[in-house]
Amino acid sequence: MINSASVDRVFHALGDATRRAIVEQLSRGPTSVTKLAQPHDMSLAAVVQHLQVLEQSGIVRSEKTGRVRTCRIEPGGLSVAERWIAERRSLWERRLDRLGEILAEESPSTIKKSGRSKS
């Protein structure tokens, strides 16, 4: 079972358009905070706050070398969301498969009696 708090943190982090854009930027490779801030119309401090949310969720990791803070995607960071979505997909696929089986079991005479016609 997936830890609910972990799932909440990841989806909260990804629930903001700026943070998703930062993740997109980082998917191209490690980048400094200054470069991450350039395409956004906000202060460096605001970008740092977004990065903190991404770090707390486990999606991003940063390290400081001298005066430069470099951020990178944490490879397993999105796996929490991926597993949560996969579990839901699996559940609904099983339910829809079962519904398909039930509908396939209906005989033509049952369909005629109920007033429904096959198309």
Protein backbone atom coordinates (compact mmCIF):
# COMPACT_ATOMS: atom_id res chain seq x y z
CA MET A 1 0.00 0.00 0.00
CA ILE A 2 1.23 3.47 -0.88
CA ASN A 3 1.69 6.02 1.90
CA SER A 4 -1.17 8.51 1.54
CA ALA A 5 0.93 11.45 2.75
CA SER A 6 3.55 10.75 0.06
CA VAL A 7 0.88 10.67 -2.63
CA ASP A 8 -0.61 13.92 -1.31
CA ARG A 9 2.79 15.66 -1.39
CA VAL A 10 3.53 14.59 -4.97
CA PHE A 11 0.13 15.59 -6.32
CA HIS A 12 0.23 18.87 -4.38
CA ALA A 13 3.65 19.62 -5.88
CA LEU A 14 2.44 18.80 -9.40
CA GLY A 15 -0.83 20.68 -8.89
CA ASP A 16 0.83 24.00 -9.67
CA ALA A 17 1.59 25.07 -13.26
CA THR A 18 4.88 26.75 -12.31
CA ARG A 19 6.14 23.65 -10.54
CA ARG A 20 5.16 21.47 -13.51
CA ALA A 21 7.08 23.86 -15.78
CA ILE A 22 10.11 23.58 -13.50
CA VAL A 23 9.89 19.78 -13.65
CA GLU A 24 9.73 20.04 -17.45
CA GLN A 25 12.84 22.24 -17.46
CA LEU A 26 14.68 19.80 -15.19
CA SER A 27 13.69 16.84 -17.34
CA ARG A 28 16.20 18.21 -19.88
CA GLY A 29 18.99 18.01 -17.30
CA PRO A 30 20.33 19.56 -14.10
CA THR A 31 20.00 23.35 -13.98
CA SER A 32 20.89 26.17 -11.62
CA VAL A 33 18.14 27.92 -9.69
CA THR A 34 18.99 31.15 -11.53
CA LYS A 35 18.43 29.50 -14.94
CA LEU A 36 15.22 27.86 -13.69
CA ALA A 37 13.91 31.28 -12.67
CA GLN A 38 14.59 32.99 -16.03
CA PRO A 39 11.47 31.93 -17.96
CA HIS A 40 9.14 32.71 -15.04
CA ASP A 41 7.77 36.15 -14.25
CA MET A 42 8.55 35.96 -10.54
CA SER A 43 11.29 36.65 -8.04
CA LEU A 44 14.12 34.25 -7.39
CA ALA A 45 12.75 33.81 -3.85
CA ALA A 46 9.38 32.67 -5.27
CA VAL A 47 11.10 30.11 -7.51
CA VAL A 48 13.05 28.85 -4.49
CA GLN A 49 9.75 28.35 -2.64
CA HIS A 50 8.41 26.28 -5.54
CA LEU A 51 11.63 24.25 -5.53
CA GLN A 52 11.25 23.60 -1.80
CA VAL A 53 7.79 22.11 -2.40
CA LEU A 54 9.22 19.92 -5.17
CA GLU A 55 12.09 18.82 -2.90
CA GLN A 56 9.74 18.03 0.00
CA SER A 57 7.70 15.83 -2.33
CA GLY A 58 10.82 13.95 -3.44
CA ILE A 59 10.55 14.98 -7.10
CA VAL A 60 13.58 17.28 -7.13
CA ARG A 61 16.95 17.27 -5.40
CA SER A 62 19.30 20.22 -5.14
CA GLU A 63 22.90 20.64 -4.11
CA LYS A 64 24.96 23.72 -3.50
CA THR A 65 28.48 24.09 -4.84
CA GLY A 66 29.98 27.40 -3.87
CA ARG A 67 27.36 30.05 -4.59
CA VAL A 68 25.46 27.99 -7.18
CA ARG A 69 22.52 25.76 -6.25
CA THR A 70 21.91 23.13 -8.93
CA CYS A 71 18.65 21.20 -9.13
CA ARG A 72 17.93 17.86 -10.76
CA ILE A 73 15.05 15.45 -11.09
CA GLU A 74 15.05 12.71 -8.46
CA PRO A 75 14.57 9.55 -10.56
CA GLY A 76 12.23 7.80 -8.13
CA GLY A 77 10.36 10.93 -7.12
CA LEU A 78 7.44 10.46 -9.47
CA SER A 79 7.17 6.72 -8.80
CA VAL A 80 4.72 7.34 -5.95
CA ALA A 81 2.26 9.01 -8.34
CA GLU A 82 2.98 6.43 -11.02
CA ARG A 83 2.17 3.53 -8.65
CA TRP A 84 -0.98 5.26 -7.38
CA ILE A 85 -2.24 5.84 -10.94
CA ALA A 86 -1.32 2.27 -11.98
CA GLU A 87 -3.32 0.85 -9.07
CA ARG A 88 -6.38 2.87 -10.08
CA ARG A 89 -5.96 1.91 -13.74
CA SER A 90 -5.71 -1.76 -12.81
CA LEU A 91 -8.82 -1.56 -10.63
CA TRP A 92 -10.89 0.11 -13.36
CA GLU A 93 -9.62 -2.24 -16.06
CA ARG A 94 -10.75 -5.22 -13.95
CA ARG A 95 -14.14 -3.60 -13.37
CA LEU A 96 -14.62 -2.82 -17.05
CA ASP A 97 -13.49 -6.32 -18.04
CA ARG A 98 -16.07 -7.77 -15.65
CA LEU A 99 -18.76 -5.48 -17.05
CA GLY A 100 -17.85 -6.65 -20.54
CA GLU A 101 -18.17 -10.27 -19.42
CA ILE A 102 -21.59 -9.61 -17.90
CA LEU A 103 -22.82 -7.86 -21.03
CA ALA A 104 -21.46 -10.66 -23.23
CA GLU A 105 -23.37 -13.21 -21.14
CA GLU A 106 -26.70 -11.57 -21.98
CA SER A 107 -28.45 -13.71 -24.55
CA PRO A 108 -30.30 -12.21 -27.52
CA SER A 109 -33.62 -13.37 -26.00
CA THR A 110 -32.86 -11.44 -22.79
CA ILE A 111 -32.15 -8.33 -24.82
CA LYS A 112 -35.42 -8.67 -26.80
CA LYS A 113 -37.47 -9.20 -23.60
CA SER A 114 -36.01 -6.08 -21.99
CA GLY A 115 -36.88 -3.98 -25.01
CA ARG A 116 -33.28 -3.28 -25.97
CA SER A 117 -32.03 -4.04 -29.43
CA LYS A 118 -28.54 -4.88 -30.58
CA SER A 119 -26.91 -2.35 -32.87
